[in-house]
Structure formats: structure tokens, C-alpha cells
Amino acid sequence: MQTIYIPSIKAGERLDVFLSEYLQKSRSIIQKWIKNKHVLLDRKIAKSHVLIKAGQTIQIEIPLASSAPKIIPPLSILFEDKDLLVIDKQSGVLVHPAHPDDEGTTLVDAILAHNSTIKKVGDPKRPGIVHRLDKAVSGVLLVAKNQLMFEYLKHAFSNQCIEKMYQALVYGILPMDEGTIDFSIERSKTKGMMVAVPRSQERGKNALTYFTVEQRFKTSTLINVFPKTGRTNQIRVHFFSIDHPLVGDPLYKKRVMKHIKPIATDRVFLHACSLTLTLPSGETKSFTSKLPEELQNILQALPLN
């Protein structure tokens, strides 16, 4: 068992946020350990959101990796040539392992089973991956098959040369037909989640999201979203910040929404529909992914505005 003493400088932080930074583990892993009672605060069971105090002690018993059989997810390929692999990612699949238990079950495992040479491309922990989609998000994902393409795509993303379009269903009726959300984003030290920050406060990382309305329903709006930057959870955070959270989002959601009945779904309604880029040859290519059937079914059941 490992014991950690909390210094005064860390007083007031969330337990899961402190441990994630201290142990260099993802917050989802830490929260799983806390939920499964592998983490004690002053030798007592604690919650992820509890605020720690100077002088307290944390006891951690690191769980062993699971021995359950691993199943590599199927790989749906939209396009492939000698340099580039374009995947149609399913919802519910991690892009790369966040915990030893995840190994053998992620998109990276499926990619390496398809082409093992990609193992030498980019970051060893997420070979070939130049951008990511959250576990619950589906749609178009690019994978570099060699280091030259990896560097080219990373540069293109960082310079906002790649156009991405998502479809999302948000609660409430958006009155405008198009709009821009221009709030910076940072991680809250107390809530442990990403939050939007008004530009006037000069904090956080610059984040810009443009959107157009596709269709209005009785209590929700289907939108096309064009993120101009690629911050963590950007689309989810931005629409939550303007009181239009995404349907099915378990994290960025309102506890009470007046006159709005929650829409039943087991995933967030966010899909990466298309991605357009210019290849090193100068050719411009667009890749598209059809809205998954489970999301189409939700739309078909909704009453119109």
C-alpha cells in the first residue's frame, strides 16, 4: 500500500484531480480506483469530488490488471493508402489505453492488428494517432502510417488547416440559425472537469466553435458543429457553457432542466461526420461518416418544434 501526504499548497483540490497529477494517471483511472475502494483518505472511504486538506494522508492499494479475456474491437476503414489510414470509429471504444485493463480492447490494438508497422509511428503509447475522439464519440479519425505523415498531420492540426464537422443534439431551442462560441477552456481545480472561461478573465486556452442549426425539435436542436480549435471536450464544454448541454452527456449536464424531459440514450449525441484536409501532394480530400443508427433512431422519435 502506498501512502501520500498532502502538502499545504494542494489544499482545496479535488481528491481525483490531485491524485491524477501526483501519480501521472488519467482521472478516469483514479476515479475507478476510488469507486472500487482502492483509495482511502485518512483511512476512510472517500468520494472523487471531496476537497483535500493539508496534513491529510491518502492510502492507495494499486489494483492488479484484470485477467478477463480481451476482445479487439472491429476496425471500420473509410480510406487507406501507403501513408494514411482513415477510421470510422464506433462509440464506446477507447482510442488508446488509459489503464492496463484497457490494453487489448482499444482502437490502437485494432490498428496494430491491421498493420503492425504503425507501432513505430509517433507516440509509443498511441502509435499513429494524431488526434482523438472521446470514448463515447463516434466518427472520422485519422491515423498516420509513417513518421512523415504523422509530422505533417500534427502540423496541419496545430495550424488549424484541417476542417472538421460534427453533428450534435443539444437540449433547448437555439434561436439563431448560426453562431460562434468564443470562450477559453481550462480544467477546474475543484470540479475536476473542463470549464469555459470568458475572454475578459485572460485565463485558460483559446477555444473557438462555430455552429449552424440543422433542425429544431420540441425540446432540442440538431446542429452542425465546426470546432476551429481542438481543446479537450471543447464542443461539450462550449454548449454546456451557453446552457445547451449535449444530449446524453454524463459529465457536462444540468441537474435540472425546466420543462425539458431527458432524452433516453446510453451515449453522448456527438458524431464526427466529416473531415477535410489537403494532402502533401496538394490533393484535397474529404472523408465522411454516416450518422450511426442509434442516433438516427433518436431523431426519428423526436417531436418537431
C-alpha atoms as a PDB file:
ATOM      1  CA  MET A   1       0.000   0.000   0.000  1.00  0.00           C
ATOM      2  CA  GLN A   2       1.280   3.480  -0.918  1.00  0.00           C
ATOM      3  CA  THR A   3       0.815   6.451   1.424  1.00  0.00           C
ATOM      4  CA  ILE A   4       0.785  10.055   0.198  1.00  0.00           C
ATOM      5  CA  TYR A   5       0.889  13.116   2.467  1.00  0.00           C
ATOM      6  CA  ILE A   6      -0.991  16.188   1.247  1.00  0.00           C
ATOM      7  CA  PRO A   7       1.084  19.394   1.265  1.00  0.00           C
ATOM      8  CA  SER A   8      -0.496  22.727   2.151  1.00  0.00           C
ATOM      9  CA  ILE A   9      -0.077  24.011  -1.404  1.00  0.00           C
ATOM     10  CA  LYS A  10      -2.540  21.355  -2.618  1.00  0.00           C
ATOM     11  CA  ALA A  11      -5.230  22.050  -0.006  1.00  0.00           C
ATOM     12  CA  GLY A  12      -8.646  22.654  -1.575  1.00  0.00           C
ATOM     13  CA  GLU A  13      -8.104  20.494  -4.652  1.00  0.00           C
ATOM     14  CA  ARG A  14     -10.371  17.576  -5.521  1.00  0.00           C
ATOM     15  CA  LEU A  15      -9.052  14.180  -4.460  1.00  0.00           C
ATOM     16  CA  ASP A  16      -9.190  12.741  -8.001  1.00  0.00           C
ATOM     17  CA  VAL A  17      -7.539  15.812  -9.559  1.00  0.00           C
ATOM     18  CA  PHE A  18      -4.673  15.751  -7.029  1.00  0.00           C
ATOM     19  CA  LEU A  19      -4.028  12.018  -7.483  1.00  0.00           C
ATOM     20  CA  SER A  20      -4.199  12.247 -11.271  1.00  0.00           C
ATOM     21  CA  GLU A  21      -1.459  14.874 -11.269  1.00  0.00           C
ATOM     22  CA  TYR A  22       0.602  13.250  -8.493  1.00  0.00           C
ATOM     23  CA  LEU A  23       0.557   9.725  -9.955  1.00  0.00           C
ATOM     24  CA  GLN A  24       0.534  10.805 -13.635  1.00  0.00           C
ATOM     25  CA  LYS A  25      -2.561   8.700 -14.278  1.00  0.00           C
ATOM     26  CA  SER A  26      -5.726   9.660 -16.141  1.00  0.00           C
ATOM     27  CA  ARG A  27      -8.563  10.947 -13.987  1.00  0.00           C
ATOM     28  CA  SER A  28     -10.816   8.117 -15.203  1.00  0.00           C
ATOM     29  CA  ILE A  29      -8.376   5.565 -13.775  1.00  0.00           C
ATOM     30  CA  ILE A  30      -8.187   7.403 -10.440  1.00  0.00           C
ATOM     31  CA  GLN A  31     -11.970   7.670 -10.235  1.00  0.00           C
ATOM     32  CA  LYS A  32     -12.267   3.933 -10.930  1.00  0.00           C
ATOM     33  CA  TRP A  33      -9.815   3.167  -8.093  1.00  0.00           C
ATOM     34  CA  ILE A  34     -11.744   5.442  -5.712  1.00  0.00           C
ATOM     35  CA  LYS A  35     -15.096   3.925  -6.707  1.00  0.00           C
ATOM     36  CA  ASN A  36     -13.715   0.422  -6.122  1.00  0.00           C
ATOM     37  CA  LYS A  37     -12.378   1.476  -2.677  1.00  0.00           C
ATOM     38  CA  HIS A  38      -8.698   1.153  -3.577  1.00  0.00           C
ATOM     39  CA  VAL A  39      -8.154   4.719  -2.296  1.00  0.00           C
ATOM     40  CA  LEU A  40      -8.669   5.844   1.311  1.00  0.00           C
ATOM     41  CA  LEU A  41      -8.459   9.365   2.751  1.00  0.00           C
ATOM     42  CA  ASP A  42      -7.238   9.286   6.350  1.00  0.00           C
ATOM     43  CA  ARG A  43      -8.007   5.540   6.206  1.00  0.00           C
ATOM     44  CA  LYS A  44     -11.651   6.200   5.360  1.00  0.00           C
ATOM     45  CA  ILE A  45     -13.566   5.611   2.126  1.00  0.00           C
ATOM     46  CA  ALA A  46     -13.794   8.853   0.156  1.00  0.00           C
ATOM     47  CA  LYS A  47     -15.504  10.262  -2.935  1.00  0.00           C
ATOM     48  CA  SER A  48     -13.724  11.578  -6.033  1.00  0.00           C
ATOM     49  CA  HIS A  49     -15.089  15.088  -5.579  1.00  0.00           C
ATOM     50  CA  VAL A  50     -14.047  15.563  -1.924  1.00  0.00           C
ATOM     51  CA  LEU A  51     -11.740  18.545  -1.325  1.00  0.00           C
ATOM     52  CA  ILE A  52      -8.492  17.550   0.364  1.00  0.00           C
ATOM     53  CA  LYS A  53      -6.846  19.322   3.323  1.00  0.00           C
ATOM     54  CA  ALA A  54      -3.231  19.923   4.245  1.00  0.00           C
ATOM     55  CA  GLY A  55      -1.829  17.198   6.506  1.00  0.00           C
ATOM     56  CA  GLN A  56      -4.278  14.512   5.420  1.00  0.00           C
ATOM     57  CA  THR A  57      -2.958  11.175   4.186  1.00  0.00           C
ATOM     58  CA  ILE A  58      -4.055   9.133   1.194  1.00  0.00           C
ATOM     59  CA  GLN A  59      -3.660   5.364   1.227  1.00  0.00           C
ATOM     60  CA  ILE A  60      -3.657   3.633  -2.167  1.00  0.00           C
ATOM     61  CA  GLU A  61      -3.682  -0.072  -2.945  1.00  0.00           C
ATOM     62  CA  ILE A  62      -2.875  -0.342  -6.649  1.00  0.00           C
ATOM     63  CA  PRO A  63      -5.213  -2.943  -8.194  1.00  0.00           C
ATOM     64  CA  LEU A  64      -3.790  -5.728 -10.343  1.00  0.00           C
ATOM     65  CA  ALA A  65      -4.697  -5.777 -14.023  1.00  0.00           C
ATOM     66  CA  SER A  66      -7.779  -7.837 -14.832  1.00  0.00           C
ATOM     67  CA  SER A  67      -7.330 -11.360 -16.203  1.00  0.00           C
ATOM     68  CA  ALA A  68     -10.592 -11.206 -18.190  1.00  0.00           C
ATOM     69  CA  PRO A  69     -10.298 -12.158 -21.897  1.00  0.00           C
ATOM     70  CA  LYS A  70      -9.542  -9.200 -24.202  1.00  0.00           C
ATOM     71  CA  ILE A  71     -11.579  -8.511 -27.326  1.00  0.00           C
ATOM     72  CA  ILE A  72     -10.081  -6.277 -30.018  1.00  0.00           C
ATOM     73  CA  PRO A  73     -12.810  -4.056 -31.478  1.00  0.00           C
ATOM     74  CA  PRO A  74     -13.655  -4.311 -35.195  1.00  0.00           C
ATOM     75  CA  LEU A  75     -11.930  -1.825 -37.488  1.00  0.00           C
ATOM     76  CA  SER A  76     -14.097   0.055 -39.978  1.00  0.00           C
ATOM     77  CA  ILE A  77     -11.867   1.614 -42.659  1.00  0.00           C
ATOM     78  CA  LEU A  78     -13.080   4.584 -44.724  1.00  0.00           C
ATOM     79  CA  PHE A  79      -9.840   5.071 -46.678  1.00  0.00           C
ATOM     80  CA  GLU A  80      -6.302   3.737 -46.845  1.00  0.00           C
ATOM     81  CA  ASP A  81      -3.186   4.359 -48.894  1.00  0.00           C
ATOM     82  CA  LYS A  82       0.545   3.965 -48.190  1.00  0.00           C
ATOM     83  CA  ASP A  83       0.617   6.990 -45.873  1.00  0.00           C
ATOM     84  CA  LEU A  84      -2.817   7.383 -44.317  1.00  0.00           C
ATOM     85  CA  LEU A  85      -5.492   5.272 -42.635  1.00  0.00           C
ATOM     86  CA  VAL A  86      -8.945   6.788 -42.022  1.00  0.00           C
ATOM     87  CA  ILE A  87     -11.136   5.027 -39.470  1.00  0.00           C
ATOM     88  CA  ASP A  88     -14.872   5.184 -38.802  1.00  0.00           C
ATOM     89  CA  LYS A  89     -14.698   4.936 -35.000  1.00  0.00           C
ATOM     90  CA  GLN A  90     -17.516   3.305 -33.033  1.00  0.00           C
ATOM     91  CA  SER A  91     -18.942   4.817 -29.849  1.00  0.00           C
ATOM     92  CA  GLY A  92     -17.841   3.035 -26.672  1.00  0.00           C
ATOM     93  CA  VAL A  93     -14.306   2.314 -27.912  1.00  0.00           C
ATOM     94  CA  LEU A  94     -11.233   3.977 -26.382  1.00  0.00           C
ATOM     95  CA  VAL A  95      -8.743   5.315 -28.925  1.00  0.00           C
ATOM     96  CA  HIS A  96      -5.762   4.235 -26.809  1.00  0.00           C
ATOM     97  CA  PRO A  97      -5.293   2.554 -23.388  1.00  0.00           C
ATOM     98  CA  ALA A  98      -5.722   4.731 -20.319  1.00  0.00           C
ATOM     99  CA  HIS A  99      -5.161   1.838 -17.881  1.00  0.00           C
ATOM    100  CA  PRO A 100      -3.531  -1.632 -18.074  1.00  0.00           C
ATOM    101  CA  ASP A 101      -7.019  -3.179 -18.088  1.00  0.00           C
ATOM    102  CA  ASP A 102      -7.744  -1.332 -21.353  1.00  0.00           C
ATOM    103  CA  GLU A 103      -4.905  -2.975 -23.277  1.00  0.00           C
ATOM    104  CA  GLY A 104      -6.153  -5.319 -25.972  1.00  0.00           C
ATOM    105  CA  THR A 105      -9.545  -3.591 -26.236  1.00  0.00           C
ATOM    106  CA  THR A 106      -8.782  -0.208 -27.859  1.00  0.00           C
ATOM    107  CA  LEU A 107      -8.741   1.230 -31.362  1.00  0.00           C
ATOM    108  CA  VAL A 108      -4.933   1.268 -31.250  1.00  0.00           C
ATOM    109  CA  ASP A 109      -4.969  -2.503 -30.694  1.00  0.00           C
ATOM    110  CA  ALA A 110      -7.227  -2.918 -33.735  1.00  0.00           C
ATOM    111  CA  ILE A 111      -4.969  -0.642 -35.825  1.00  0.00           C
ATOM    112  CA  LEU A 112      -1.824  -2.609 -34.900  1.00  0.00           C
ATOM    113  CA  ALA A 113      -3.592  -5.893 -35.635  1.00  0.00           C
ATOM    114  CA  HIS A 114      -4.337  -4.459 -39.093  1.00  0.00           C
ATOM    115  CA  ASN A 115      -0.825  -3.063 -39.662  1.00  0.00           C
ATOM    116  CA  SER A 116       1.882  -3.724 -37.073  1.00  0.00           C
ATOM    117  CA  THR A 117       4.408  -1.312 -38.685  1.00  0.00           C
ATOM    118  CA  ILE A 118       2.362   1.637 -37.353  1.00  0.00           C
ATOM    119  CA  LYS A 119       3.727   0.708 -33.914  1.00  0.00           C
ATOM    120  CA  LYS A 120       6.872   2.724 -34.750  1.00  0.00           C
ATOM    121  CA  VAL A 121       4.961   5.891 -35.711  1.00  0.00           C
ATOM    122  CA  GLY A 122       4.540   8.804 -33.290  1.00  0.00           C
ATOM    123  CA  ASP A 123       3.968   8.281 -29.567  1.00  0.00           C
ATOM    124  CA  PRO A 124       4.634   4.672 -28.432  1.00  0.00           C
ATOM    125  CA  LYS A 125       1.572   4.833 -26.146  1.00  0.00           C
ATOM    126  CA  ARG A 126      -0.720   5.839 -29.033  1.00  0.00           C
ATOM    127  CA  PRO A 127       1.097   4.944 -32.275  1.00  0.00           C
ATOM    128  CA  GLY A 128      -0.135   6.667 -35.418  1.00  0.00           C
ATOM    129  CA  ILE A 129      -2.721   8.747 -33.543  1.00  0.00           C
ATOM    130  CA  VAL A 130      -2.651  12.451 -34.448  1.00  0.00           C
ATOM    131  CA  HIS A 131      -5.968  13.467 -32.854  1.00  0.00           C
ATOM    132  CA  ARG A 132      -8.546  11.726 -30.701  1.00  0.00           C
ATOM    133  CA  LEU A 133     -12.241  11.233 -30.141  1.00  0.00           C
ATOM    134  CA  ASP A 134     -13.685  10.650 -26.672  1.00  0.00           C
ATOM    135  CA  LYS A 135     -14.750   7.090 -25.876  1.00  0.00           C
ATOM    136  CA  ALA A 136     -18.463   7.864 -26.335  1.00  0.00           C
ATOM    137  CA  VAL A 137     -17.940   9.855 -29.554  1.00  0.00           C
ATOM    138  CA  SER A 138     -18.074   8.191 -32.970  1.00  0.00           C
ATOM    139  CA  GLY A 139     -16.919   9.155 -36.452  1.00  0.00           C
ATOM    140  CA  VAL A 140     -13.935  10.032 -38.639  1.00  0.00           C
ATOM    141  CA  LEU A 141     -10.449   9.531 -37.182  1.00  0.00           C
ATOM    142  CA  LEU A 142      -7.110   9.929 -38.985  1.00  0.00           C
ATOM    143  CA  VAL A 143      -4.146   7.586 -38.424  1.00  0.00           C
ATOM    144  CA  ALA A 144      -0.640   8.216 -39.805  1.00  0.00           C
ATOM    145  CA  LYS A 145       1.045   5.130 -41.255  1.00  0.00           C
ATOM    146  CA  ASN A 146       4.557   6.602 -41.266  1.00  0.00           C
ATOM    147  CA  GLN A 147       6.506   9.270 -39.398  1.00  0.00           C
ATOM    148  CA  LEU A 148       6.487  11.774 -42.273  1.00  0.00           C
ATOM    149  CA  MET A 149       2.691  11.716 -42.451  1.00  0.00           C
ATOM    150  CA  PHE A 150       2.495  11.846 -38.650  1.00  0.00           C
ATOM    151  CA  GLU A 151       4.545  15.068 -38.541  1.00  0.00           C
ATOM    152  CA  TYR A 152       2.594  16.538 -41.476  1.00  0.00           C
ATOM    153  CA  LEU A 153      -0.782  15.889 -39.842  1.00  0.00           C
ATOM    154  CA  LYS A 154       0.309  17.141 -36.409  1.00  0.00           C
ATOM    155  CA  HIS A 155       1.466  20.378 -38.060  1.00  0.00           C
ATOM    156  CA  ALA A 156      -1.803  20.646 -40.019  1.00  0.00           C
ATOM    157  CA  PHE A 157      -3.910  20.208 -36.883  1.00  0.00           C
ATOM    158  CA  SER A 158      -1.850  22.662 -34.830  1.00  0.00           C
ATOM    159  CA  ASN A 159      -2.159  25.273 -37.599  1.00  0.00           C
ATOM    160  CA  GLN A 160      -5.916  24.674 -37.977  1.00  0.00           C
ATOM    161  CA  CYS A 161      -5.547  23.528 -41.590  1.00  0.00           C
ATOM    162  CA  ILE A 162      -7.940  20.595 -41.182  1.00  0.00           C
ATOM    163  CA  GLU A 163     -11.687  21.234 -41.263  1.00  0.00           C
ATOM    164  CA  LYS A 164     -13.823  19.028 -39.005  1.00  0.00           C
ATOM    165  CA  MET A 165     -17.593  18.861 -38.842  1.00  0.00           C
ATOM    166  CA  TYR A 166     -19.604  17.167 -36.084  1.00  0.00           C
ATOM    167  CA  GLN A 167     -23.317  16.668 -35.599  1.00  0.00           C
ATOM    168  CA  ALA A 168     -24.682  17.127 -32.103  1.00  0.00           C
ATOM    169  CA  LEU A 169     -28.084  17.196 -30.462  1.00  0.00           C
ATOM    170  CA  VAL A 170     -28.356  19.785 -27.700  1.00  0.00           C
ATOM    171  CA  TYR A 171     -31.100  20.421 -25.171  1.00  0.00           C
ATOM    172  CA  GLY A 172     -33.209  23.522 -25.697  1.00  0.00           C
ATOM    173  CA  ILE A 173     -34.098  25.548 -28.776  1.00  0.00           C
ATOM    174  CA  LEU A 174     -31.233  27.561 -30.246  1.00  0.00           C
ATOM    175  CA  PRO A 175     -32.886  30.768 -31.521  1.00  0.00           C
ATOM    176  CA  MET A 176     -30.162  31.722 -34.011  1.00  0.00           C
ATOM    177  CA  ASP A 177     -29.501  29.821 -37.259  1.00  0.00           C
ATOM    178  CA  GLU A 178     -25.739  30.071 -36.793  1.00  0.00           C
ATOM    179  CA  GLY A 179     -23.331  31.323 -34.200  1.00  0.00           C
ATOM    180  CA  THR A 180     -19.856  31.300 -32.676  1.00  0.00           C
ATOM    181  CA  ILE A 181     -18.827  30.372 -29.127  1.00  0.00           C
ATOM    182  CA  ASP A 182     -15.598  32.077 -28.135  1.00  0.00           C
ATOM    183  CA  PHE A 183     -14.737  31.041 -24.561  1.00  0.00           C
ATOM    184  CA  SER A 184     -11.324  29.883 -23.377  1.00  0.00           C
ATOM    185  CA  ILE A 185     -11.171  26.473 -21.679  1.00  0.00           C
ATOM    186  CA  GLU A 186      -9.285  25.305 -18.598  1.00  0.00           C
ATOM    187  CA  ARG A 187      -9.506  22.439 -16.110  1.00  0.00           C
ATOM    188  CA  SER A 188     -11.286  23.349 -12.888  1.00  0.00           C
ATOM    189  CA  LYS A 189      -9.159  22.614  -9.799  1.00  0.00           C
ATOM    190  CA  THR A 190     -12.267  21.947  -7.695  1.00  0.00           C
ATOM    191  CA  LYS A 191     -14.659  20.268 -10.124  1.00  0.00           C
ATOM    192  CA  GLY A 192     -12.043  18.219 -11.998  1.00  0.00           C
ATOM    193  CA  MET A 193     -13.714  18.907 -15.347  1.00  0.00           C
ATOM    194  CA  MET A 194     -13.044  21.342 -18.177  1.00  0.00           C
ATOM    195  CA  VAL A 195     -14.781  24.715 -17.836  1.00  0.00           C
ATOM    196  CA  ALA A 196     -15.333  27.666 -20.166  1.00  0.00           C
ATOM    197  CA  VAL A 197     -13.735  30.969 -19.154  1.00  0.00           C
ATOM    198  CA  PRO A 198     -14.802  34.386 -20.513  1.00  0.00           C
ATOM    199  CA  ARG A 199     -12.051  36.028 -22.574  1.00  0.00           C
ATOM    200  CA  SER A 200     -12.107  39.035 -20.231  1.00  0.00           C
ATOM    201  CA  GLN A 201     -10.534  36.884 -17.485  1.00  0.00           C
ATOM    202  CA  GLU A 202      -7.467  36.093 -19.629  1.00  0.00           C
ATOM    203  CA  ARG A 203      -7.200  32.501 -18.373  1.00  0.00           C
ATOM    204  CA  GLY A 204      -7.295  29.099 -19.979  1.00  0.00           C
ATOM    205  CA  LYS A 205      -6.589  28.068 -23.567  1.00  0.00           C
ATOM    206  CA  ASN A 206      -8.149  29.801 -26.545  1.00  0.00           C
ATOM    207  CA  ALA A 207     -11.123  27.828 -27.917  1.00  0.00           C
ATOM    208  CA  LEU A 208     -13.434  28.722 -30.809  1.00  0.00           C
ATOM    209  CA  THR A 209     -16.508  26.825 -32.035  1.00  0.00           C
ATOM    210  CA  TYR A 210     -18.760  27.751 -34.981  1.00  0.00           C
ATOM    211  CA  PHE A 211     -22.158  26.095 -35.483  1.00  0.00           C
ATOM    212  CA  THR A 212     -25.216  26.075 -37.730  1.00  0.00           C
ATOM    213  CA  VAL A 213     -28.709  24.797 -36.929  1.00  0.00           C
ATOM    214  CA  GLU A 214     -29.786  21.738 -38.920  1.00  0.00           C
ATOM    215  CA  GLN A 215     -33.227  21.101 -37.359  1.00  0.00           C
ATOM    216  CA  ARG A 216     -35.252  22.194 -34.345  1.00  0.00           C
ATOM    217  CA  PHE A 217     -37.311  19.759 -32.307  1.00  0.00           C
ATOM    218  CA  LYS A 218     -39.747  20.388 -29.456  1.00  0.00           C
ATOM    219  CA  THR A 219     -37.126  20.476 -26.691  1.00  0.00           C
ATOM    220  CA  SER A 220     -33.819  20.064 -28.547  1.00  0.00           C
ATOM    221  CA  THR A 221     -31.824  21.259 -31.555  1.00  0.00           C
ATOM    222  CA  LEU A 222     -29.753  19.295 -34.074  1.00  0.00           C
ATOM    223  CA  ILE A 223     -26.651  21.282 -35.020  1.00  0.00           C
ATOM    224  CA  ASN A 224     -23.633  21.070 -37.296  1.00  0.00           C
ATOM    225  CA  VAL A 225     -20.516  21.993 -35.327  1.00  0.00           C
ATOM    226  CA  PHE A 226     -17.194  23.233 -36.726  1.00  0.00           C
ATOM    227  CA  PRO A 227     -14.542  23.437 -33.970  1.00  0.00           C
ATOM    228  CA  LYS A 228     -11.796  25.823 -35.032  1.00  0.00           C
ATOM    229  CA  THR A 229      -9.525  24.680 -32.193  1.00  0.00           C
ATOM    230  CA  GLY A 230      -9.079  21.227 -30.670  1.00  0.00           C
ATOM    231  CA  ARG A 231      -9.304  21.574 -26.902  1.00  0.00           C
ATOM    232  CA  THR A 232     -10.259  18.712 -24.564  1.00  0.00           C
ATOM    233  CA  ASN A 233     -14.051  18.246 -24.540  1.00  0.00           C
ATOM    234  CA  GLN A 234     -14.361  21.556 -26.441  1.00  0.00           C
ATOM    235  CA  ILE A 235     -17.773  21.023 -28.056  1.00  0.00           C
ATOM    236  CA  ARG A 236     -19.292  19.561 -24.888  1.00  0.00           C
ATOM    237  CA  VAL A 237     -17.902  22.351 -22.684  1.00  0.00           C
ATOM    238  CA  HIS A 238     -18.863  25.174 -25.028  1.00  0.00           C
ATOM    239  CA  PHE A 239     -22.523  24.207 -25.408  1.00  0.00           C
ATOM    240  CA  PHE A 240     -22.803  23.466 -21.689  1.00  0.00           C
ATOM    241  CA  SER A 241     -21.466  26.972 -21.050  1.00  0.00           C
ATOM    242  CA  ILE A 242     -24.349  28.543 -23.023  1.00  0.00           C
ATOM    243  CA  ASP A 243     -26.971  26.373 -21.255  1.00  0.00           C
ATOM    244  CA  HIS A 244     -27.463  23.945 -24.155  1.00  0.00           C
ATOM    245  CA  PRO A 245     -25.741  20.729 -22.972  1.00  0.00           C
ATOM    246  CA  LEU A 246     -25.395  17.799 -25.341  1.00  0.00           C
ATOM    247  CA  VAL A 247     -27.989  15.047 -25.099  1.00  0.00           C
ATOM    248  CA  GLY A 248     -26.560  12.005 -23.313  1.00  0.00           C
ATOM    249  CA  ASP A 249     -23.521  13.781 -21.870  1.00  0.00           C
ATOM    250  CA  PRO A 250     -22.874  12.238 -18.427  1.00  0.00           C
ATOM    251  CA  LEU A 251     -20.435  14.942 -17.308  1.00  0.00           C
ATOM    252  CA  TYR A 252     -21.427  18.308 -18.769  1.00  0.00           C
ATOM    253  CA  LYS A 253     -25.102  18.303 -17.908  1.00  0.00           C
ATOM    254  CA  LYS A 254     -27.655  20.328 -15.983  1.00  0.00           C
ATOM    255  CA  ARG A 255     -29.077  18.706 -12.848  1.00  0.00           C
ATOM    256  CA  VAL A 256     -32.483  20.242 -13.521  1.00  0.00           C
ATOM    257  CA  MET A 257     -33.800  21.422 -16.892  1.00  0.00           C
ATOM    258  CA  LYS A 258     -37.119  23.225 -16.592  1.00  0.00           C
ATOM    259  CA  HIS A 259     -39.875  21.917 -18.867  1.00  0.00           C
ATOM    260  CA  ILE A 260     -37.474  19.523 -20.619  1.00  0.00           C
ATOM    261  CA  LYS A 261     -37.730  15.761 -20.247  1.00  0.00           C
ATOM    262  CA  PRO A 262     -34.381  13.964 -20.615  1.00  0.00           C
ATOM    263  CA  ILE A 263     -33.974  12.124 -23.927  1.00  0.00           C
ATOM    264  CA  ALA A 264     -33.179   8.435 -23.378  1.00  0.00           C
ATOM    265  CA  THR A 265     -29.766   7.389 -24.738  1.00  0.00           C
ATOM    266  CA  ASP A 266     -26.774   5.425 -23.472  1.00  0.00           C
ATOM    267  CA  ARG A 267     -24.211   7.621 -25.244  1.00  0.00           C
ATOM    268  CA  VAL A 268     -23.493  11.288 -25.886  1.00  0.00           C
ATOM    269  CA  PHE A 269     -25.111  12.567 -29.104  1.00  0.00           C
ATOM    270  CA  LEU A 270     -21.906  13.708 -30.801  1.00  0.00           C
ATOM    271  CA  HIS A 271     -20.629  12.325 -34.089  1.00  0.00           C
ATOM    272  CA  ALA A 272     -17.615  13.344 -36.200  1.00  0.00           C
ATOM    273  CA  CYS A 273     -19.356  13.455 -39.579  1.00  0.00           C
ATOM    274  CA  SER A 274     -16.640  14.736 -41.871  1.00  0.00           C
ATOM    275  CA  LEU A 275     -13.035  15.803 -42.096  1.00  0.00           C
ATOM    276  CA  THR A 276     -11.357  17.684 -44.974  1.00  0.00           C
ATOM    277  CA  LEU A 277      -7.616  18.136 -45.455  1.00  0.00           C
ATOM    278  CA  THR A 278      -5.002  18.836 -48.088  1.00  0.00           C
ATOM    279  CA  LEU A 279      -2.510  16.008 -48.522  1.00  0.00           C
ATOM    280  CA  PRO A 280       1.247  16.573 -49.031  1.00  0.00           C
ATOM    281  CA  SER A 281       0.664  16.006 -52.774  1.00  0.00           C
ATOM    282  CA  GLY A 282      -1.610  19.058 -52.860  1.00  0.00           C
ATOM    283  CA  GLU A 283      -4.756  16.991 -53.332  1.00  0.00           C
ATOM    284  CA  THR A 284      -7.714  17.926 -51.122  1.00  0.00           C
ATOM    285  CA  LYS A 285      -9.672  15.006 -49.691  1.00  0.00           C
ATOM    286  CA  SER A 286     -12.869  14.785 -47.639  1.00  0.00           C
ATOM    287  CA  PHE A 287     -13.873  11.792 -45.548  1.00  0.00           C
ATOM    288  CA  THR A 288     -17.413  11.294 -44.267  1.00  0.00           C
ATOM    289  CA  SER A 289     -19.118   9.024 -41.757  1.00  0.00           C
ATOM    290  CA  LYS A 290     -22.857   8.374 -41.705  1.00  0.00           C
ATOM    291  CA  LEU A 291     -24.754   9.186 -38.505  1.00  0.00           C
ATOM    292  CA  PRO A 292     -24.927   5.897 -36.523  1.00  0.00           C
ATOM    293  CA  GLU A 293     -28.248   4.076 -36.463  1.00  0.00           C
ATOM    294  CA  GLU A 294     -28.757   4.576 -32.711  1.00  0.00           C
ATOM    295  CA  LEU A 295     -28.522   8.355 -33.190  1.00  0.00           C
ATOM    296  CA  GLN A 296     -30.790   8.297 -36.246  1.00  0.00           C
ATOM    297  CA  ASN A 297     -33.380   6.426 -34.173  1.00  0.00           C
ATOM    298  CA  ILE A 298     -33.308   9.158 -31.526  1.00  0.00           C
ATOM    299  CA  LEU A 299     -34.004  11.841 -34.141  1.00  0.00           C
ATOM    300  CA  GLN A 300     -36.849   9.867 -35.712  1.00  0.00           C
ATOM    301  CA  ALA A 301     -38.593   9.604 -32.337  1.00  0.00           C
ATOM    302  CA  LEU A 302     -38.398  13.314 -31.513  1.00  0.00           C
ATOM    303  CA  PRO A 303     -41.448  15.574 -31.957  1.00  0.00           C
ATOM    304  CA  LEU A 304     -40.785  18.603 -34.171  1.00  0.00           C
ATOM    305  CA  ASN A 305     -40.875  22.130 -32.867  1.00  0.00           C
END
